[in-house]
Amino acid sequence: MEYTINVPRLDWLIGGSRIGGTYNTYYGSCGTDGETGFFGRKLFNYVIRLEKLEDETEVMKASVYSGYKSFENTDPDGVETEVFELEEDSRALIKAWIEEKCRQYFSE
């Protein structure tokens, strides 16, 4: 089965951070059904966000995890995170990385 992974535009992720606001965080999942929801199904989740490092460098982070809990309530040991440069080309890299993790998860 093919799952759709969405990666938001950079300007959406940047949000209001350039004018004193905050970054936006994107949450997505695969494995739900429009009619029955997610109960009794395997659920693959992903999060895409920006973060400023100690040296003020901005990076994009993508995290994947499974289960029914929110990202914030998931045990950090169950979350896999990859860091990418903050540039347009990273969106395609993030999409490919999450797609691969999704394929691996659903093939188990």
N, C-alpha and C. Protein backbone atom coordinates (compact mmCIF):
# COMPACT_ATOMS: atom_id res chain seq x y z
N MET A 1 0.84 -1.19 0.00
CA MET A 1 0.00 0.00 0.00
C MET A 1 0.88 1.24 0.00
N GLU A 2 0.49 2.23 -0.72
CA GLU A 2 1.23 3.49 -0.84
C GLU A 2 0.62 4.53 0.12
N TYR A 3 1.48 5.20 0.84
CA TYR A 3 1.04 6.24 1.77
C TYR A 3 1.57 7.59 1.31
N THR A 4 0.80 8.62 1.50
CA THR A 4 1.19 9.97 1.09
C THR A 4 1.87 10.68 2.24
N ILE A 5 3.08 11.14 2.00
CA ILE A 5 3.83 11.93 2.98
C ILE A 5 3.83 13.37 2.51
N ASN A 6 3.37 14.26 3.34
CA ASN A 6 3.35 15.69 3.01
C ASN A 6 4.46 16.41 3.75
N VAL A 7 5.17 17.25 3.04
CA VAL A 7 6.20 18.10 3.64
C VAL A 7 5.81 19.55 3.35
N PRO A 8 5.56 20.33 4.39
CA PRO A 8 5.11 21.71 4.16
C PRO A 8 6.19 22.59 3.55
N ARG A 9 5.73 23.70 3.01
CA ARG A 9 6.66 24.69 2.44
C ARG A 9 7.51 25.30 3.54
N LEU A 10 8.70 25.75 3.16
CA LEU A 10 9.60 26.37 4.14
C LEU A 10 9.00 27.62 4.76
N ASP A 11 8.33 28.44 3.97
CA ASP A 11 7.78 29.67 4.55
C ASP A 11 6.72 29.36 5.61
N TRP A 12 5.99 28.25 5.45
CA TRP A 12 5.02 27.87 6.46
C TRP A 12 5.73 27.41 7.73
N LEU A 13 6.79 26.61 7.59
CA LEU A 13 7.54 26.16 8.76
C LEU A 13 8.20 27.33 9.49
N ILE A 14 8.72 28.28 8.74
CA ILE A 14 9.36 29.45 9.35
C ILE A 14 8.34 30.27 10.14
N GLY A 15 7.11 30.30 9.65
CA GLY A 15 6.03 30.97 10.37
C GLY A 15 6.36 32.42 10.70
N GLY A 16 6.10 32.81 11.92
CA GLY A 16 6.33 34.18 12.35
C GLY A 16 7.66 34.37 13.04
N SER A 17 8.57 33.40 12.92
CA SER A 17 9.84 33.47 13.64
C SER A 17 10.70 34.66 13.25
N ARG A 18 10.53 35.16 12.05
CA ARG A 18 11.36 36.28 11.58
C ARG A 18 10.87 37.64 12.11
N ILE A 19 9.67 37.63 12.68
CA ILE A 19 9.12 38.90 13.20
C ILE A 19 8.74 38.77 14.68
N GLY A 20 9.50 37.94 15.39
CA GLY A 20 9.29 37.81 16.82
C GLY A 20 8.33 36.70 17.23
N GLY A 21 7.82 35.96 16.27
CA GLY A 21 6.91 34.86 16.58
C GLY A 21 7.65 33.55 16.72
N THR A 22 6.98 32.47 16.39
CA THR A 22 7.57 31.15 16.54
C THR A 22 7.51 30.37 15.24
N TYR A 23 8.24 29.26 15.21
CA TYR A 23 8.18 28.34 14.08
C TYR A 23 6.86 27.57 14.15
N ASN A 24 6.44 27.04 13.01
CA ASN A 24 5.30 26.12 12.96
C ASN A 24 5.84 24.69 12.95
N THR A 25 5.07 23.76 13.48
CA THR A 25 5.41 22.35 13.49
C THR A 25 4.35 21.59 12.72
N TYR A 26 4.78 20.68 11.84
CA TYR A 26 3.86 19.90 11.03
C TYR A 26 3.79 18.47 11.56
N TYR A 27 2.58 17.98 11.78
CA TYR A 27 2.34 16.62 12.26
C TYR A 27 1.59 15.85 11.19
N GLY A 28 2.03 14.63 10.91
CA GLY A 28 1.34 13.80 9.93
C GLY A 28 1.32 12.36 10.39
N SER A 29 0.44 11.56 9.78
CA SER A 29 0.39 10.14 10.11
C SER A 29 -0.07 9.33 8.91
N CYS A 30 0.20 8.06 8.94
CA CYS A 30 -0.22 7.10 7.91
C CYS A 30 -0.77 5.88 8.62
N GLY A 31 -1.80 5.31 8.04
CA GLY A 31 -2.37 4.10 8.59
C GLY A 31 -3.80 4.27 9.07
N THR A 32 -4.31 5.48 9.03
CA THR A 32 -5.69 5.69 9.44
C THR A 32 -6.62 5.43 8.26
N ASP A 33 -7.85 5.22 8.56
CA ASP A 33 -8.87 4.97 7.55
C ASP A 33 -9.97 6.02 7.72
N GLY A 34 -10.42 6.60 6.62
CA GLY A 34 -11.43 7.65 6.68
C GLY A 34 -12.73 7.22 7.32
N GLU A 35 -13.05 5.95 7.25
CA GLU A 35 -14.31 5.46 7.81
C GLU A 35 -14.17 4.89 9.21
N THR A 36 -13.06 4.20 9.48
CA THR A 36 -12.91 3.53 10.77
C THR A 36 -11.88 4.17 11.69
N GLY A 37 -11.18 5.19 11.23
CA GLY A 37 -10.17 5.84 12.07
C GLY A 37 -8.92 5.01 12.18
N PHE A 38 -8.36 4.93 13.40
CA PHE A 38 -7.10 4.22 13.57
C PHE A 38 -7.17 3.07 14.56
N PHE A 39 -8.28 2.87 15.23
CA PHE A 39 -8.37 1.80 16.22
C PHE A 39 -8.14 0.44 15.58
N GLY A 40 -7.26 -0.33 16.20
CA GLY A 40 -6.95 -1.66 15.71
C GLY A 40 -6.02 -1.68 14.51
N ARG A 41 -5.44 -0.56 14.17
CA ARG A 41 -4.57 -0.46 13.01
C ARG A 41 -3.17 -0.03 13.45
N LYS A 42 -2.17 -0.37 12.63
CA LYS A 42 -0.83 0.15 12.87
C LYS A 42 -0.81 1.62 12.48
N LEU A 43 -0.18 2.45 13.27
CA LEU A 43 -0.16 3.88 13.00
C LEU A 43 1.28 4.39 12.98
N PHE A 44 1.67 4.99 11.87
CA PHE A 44 3.00 5.58 11.67
C PHE A 44 2.83 7.09 11.69
N ASN A 45 3.62 7.76 12.52
CA ASN A 45 3.51 9.21 12.68
C ASN A 45 4.82 9.90 12.33
N TYR A 46 4.71 11.14 11.89
CA TYR A 46 5.91 11.92 11.63
C TYR A 46 5.70 13.39 11.99
N VAL A 47 6.80 14.04 12.30
CA VAL A 47 6.80 15.45 12.70
C VAL A 47 7.92 16.14 11.94
N ILE A 48 7.63 17.33 11.40
CA ILE A 48 8.65 18.14 10.71
C ILE A 48 8.65 19.50 11.37
N ARG A 49 9.83 19.97 11.76
CA ARG A 49 9.92 21.23 12.47
C ARG A 49 11.27 21.88 12.23
N LEU A 50 11.37 23.14 12.57
CA LEU A 50 12.63 23.87 12.52
C LEU A 50 13.12 24.05 13.94
N GLU A 51 14.42 24.17 14.07
CA GLU A 51 15.00 24.39 15.39
C GLU A 51 16.25 25.24 15.24
N LYS A 52 16.47 26.10 16.21
CA LYS A 52 17.68 26.92 16.22
C LYS A 52 18.67 26.28 17.18
N LEU A 53 19.87 25.98 16.68
CA LEU A 53 20.91 25.37 17.50
C LEU A 53 21.60 26.42 18.37
N GLU A 54 22.46 25.96 19.26
CA GLU A 54 23.16 26.88 20.17
C GLU A 54 23.96 27.93 19.43
N ASP A 55 24.51 27.58 18.26
CA ASP A 55 25.31 28.54 17.49
C ASP A 55 24.44 29.42 16.59
N GLU A 56 23.11 29.40 16.81
CA GLU A 56 22.13 30.20 16.07
C GLU A 56 21.84 29.69 14.66
N THR A 57 22.43 28.54 14.29
CA THR A 57 22.13 27.93 13.00
C THR A 57 20.73 27.32 13.06
N GLU A 58 19.95 27.54 12.01
CA GLU A 58 18.62 26.94 11.93
C GLU A 58 18.70 25.65 11.12
N VAL A 59 18.05 24.61 11.61
CA VAL A 59 18.01 23.33 10.92
C VAL A 59 16.57 22.83 10.84
N MET A 60 16.37 21.90 9.93
CA MET A 60 15.08 21.22 9.83
C MET A 60 15.25 19.86 10.49
N LYS A 61 14.24 19.46 11.27
CA LYS A 61 14.28 18.15 11.91
C LYS A 61 13.03 17.37 11.51
N ALA A 62 13.23 16.11 11.20
CA ALA A 62 12.12 15.21 10.92
C ALA A 62 12.22 14.06 11.90
N SER A 63 11.09 13.73 12.51
CA SER A 63 11.04 12.63 13.47
C SER A 63 9.94 11.67 13.06
N VAL A 64 10.17 10.39 13.32
CA VAL A 64 9.16 9.36 13.06
C VAL A 64 8.98 8.52 14.31
N TYR A 65 7.75 8.04 14.50
CA TYR A 65 7.44 7.17 15.63
C TYR A 65 6.13 6.46 15.32
N SER A 66 5.81 5.46 16.11
CA SER A 66 4.57 4.72 15.88
C SER A 66 3.72 4.75 17.14
N GLY A 67 2.46 4.41 16.96
CA GLY A 67 1.57 4.32 18.10
C GLY A 67 0.53 5.42 18.13
N TYR A 68 -0.25 5.39 19.20
CA TYR A 68 -1.40 6.28 19.32
C TYR A 68 -1.15 7.54 20.15
N LYS A 69 0.00 7.64 20.78
CA LYS A 69 0.29 8.82 21.60
C LYS A 69 0.76 9.98 20.73
N SER A 70 0.60 11.17 21.26
CA SER A 70 1.10 12.36 20.56
C SER A 70 2.63 12.35 20.60
N PHE A 71 3.23 13.15 19.75
CA PHE A 71 4.69 13.26 19.70
C PHE A 71 5.24 13.65 21.08
N GLU A 72 4.61 14.62 21.71
CA GLU A 72 5.07 15.12 23.00
C GLU A 72 4.95 14.08 24.11
N ASN A 73 4.03 13.12 23.96
CA ASN A 73 3.81 12.10 24.99
C ASN A 73 4.43 10.75 24.65
N THR A 74 5.16 10.67 23.56
CA THR A 74 5.83 9.43 23.17
C THR A 74 7.19 9.35 23.84
N ASP A 75 7.53 8.17 24.33
CA ASP A 75 8.84 7.95 24.95
C ASP A 75 9.93 8.30 23.93
N PRO A 76 10.87 9.17 24.28
CA PRO A 76 11.93 9.57 23.34
C PRO A 76 12.70 8.39 22.75
N ASP A 77 12.77 7.26 23.46
CA ASP A 77 13.46 6.08 22.93
C ASP A 77 12.73 5.49 21.74
N GLY A 78 11.45 5.83 21.58
CA GLY A 78 10.67 5.32 20.46
C GLY A 78 10.60 6.26 19.28
N VAL A 79 11.36 7.36 19.34
CA VAL A 79 11.35 8.37 18.29
C VAL A 79 12.69 8.37 17.58
N GLU A 80 12.66 8.34 16.25
CA GLU A 80 13.88 8.45 15.46
C GLU A 80 13.88 9.81 14.76
N THR A 81 14.97 10.56 14.91
CA THR A 81 15.04 11.92 14.37
C THR A 81 16.26 12.07 13.47
N GLU A 82 16.06 12.78 12.39
CA GLU A 82 17.13 13.10 11.44
C GLU A 82 17.18 14.61 11.28
N VAL A 83 18.38 15.17 11.16
CA VAL A 83 18.56 16.61 11.03
C VAL A 83 18.97 16.94 9.59
N PHE A 84 18.38 17.99 9.04
CA PHE A 84 18.64 18.43 7.66
C PHE A 84 18.95 19.92 7.65
N GLU A 85 19.68 20.35 6.64
CA GLU A 85 19.96 21.78 6.48
C GLU A 85 18.68 22.52 6.15
N LEU A 86 18.62 23.77 6.56
CA LEU A 86 17.45 24.60 6.27
C LEU A 86 17.61 25.18 4.87
N GLU A 87 17.13 24.40 3.89
CA GLU A 87 17.15 24.83 2.50
C GLU A 87 16.06 24.08 1.74
N GLU A 88 15.67 24.61 0.62
CA GLU A 88 14.56 24.05 -0.16
C GLU A 88 14.81 22.60 -0.55
N ASP A 89 16.04 22.26 -0.92
CA ASP A 89 16.35 20.89 -1.32
C ASP A 89 16.13 19.87 -0.21
N SER A 90 16.18 20.31 1.03
CA SER A 90 15.99 19.40 2.16
C SER A 90 14.57 18.85 2.22
N ARG A 91 13.61 19.56 1.66
CA ARG A 91 12.23 19.07 1.67
C ARG A 91 12.13 17.72 0.96
N ALA A 92 12.79 17.58 -0.18
CA ALA A 92 12.77 16.31 -0.92
C ALA A 92 13.52 15.22 -0.13
N LEU A 93 14.61 15.59 0.52
CA LEU A 93 15.36 14.62 1.33
C LEU A 93 14.53 14.14 2.51
N ILE A 94 13.82 15.05 3.14
CA ILE A 94 12.95 14.70 4.27
C ILE A 94 11.84 13.77 3.81
N LYS A 95 11.22 14.10 2.70
CA LYS A 95 10.14 13.27 2.16
C LYS A 95 10.64 11.85 1.88
N ALA A 96 11.79 11.73 1.24
CA ALA A 96 12.36 10.42 0.92
C ALA A 96 12.69 9.64 2.20
N TRP A 97 13.25 10.32 3.20
CA TRP A 97 13.62 9.67 4.46
C TRP A 97 12.37 9.15 5.17
N ILE A 98 11.33 9.98 5.27
CA ILE A 98 10.10 9.56 5.94
C ILE A 98 9.42 8.45 5.16
N GLU A 99 9.39 8.53 3.83
CA GLU A 99 8.79 7.46 3.02
C GLU A 99 9.48 6.13 3.25
N GLU A 100 10.80 6.15 3.34
CA GLU A 100 11.55 4.92 3.58
C GLU A 100 11.22 4.35 4.97
N LYS A 101 11.17 5.20 5.97
CA LYS A 101 10.83 4.76 7.33
C LYS A 101 9.40 4.21 7.36
N CYS A 102 8.50 4.82 6.63
CA CYS A 102 7.11 4.38 6.56
C CYS A 102 7.04 2.99 5.91
N ARG A 103 7.74 2.80 4.81
CA ARG A 103 7.77 1.50 4.13
C ARG A 103 8.31 0.41 5.07
N GLN A 104 9.39 0.74 5.76
CA GLN A 104 9.97 -0.22 6.70
C GLN A 104 8.98 -0.58 7.79
N TYR A 105 8.30 0.39 8.33
CA TYR A 105 7.36 0.16 9.42
C TYR A 105 6.20 -0.75 8.98
N PHE A 106 5.62 -0.47 7.84
CA PHE A 106 4.48 -1.26 7.41
C PHE A 106 4.86 -2.61 6.81
N SER A 107 6.14 -2.83 6.53
CA SER A 107 6.56 -4.14 6.02
C SER A 107 6.93 -5.10 7.16
N GLU A 108 6.99 -4.59 8.39
CA GLU A 108 7.33 -5.44 9.55
C GLU A 108 6.20 -6.37 9.88
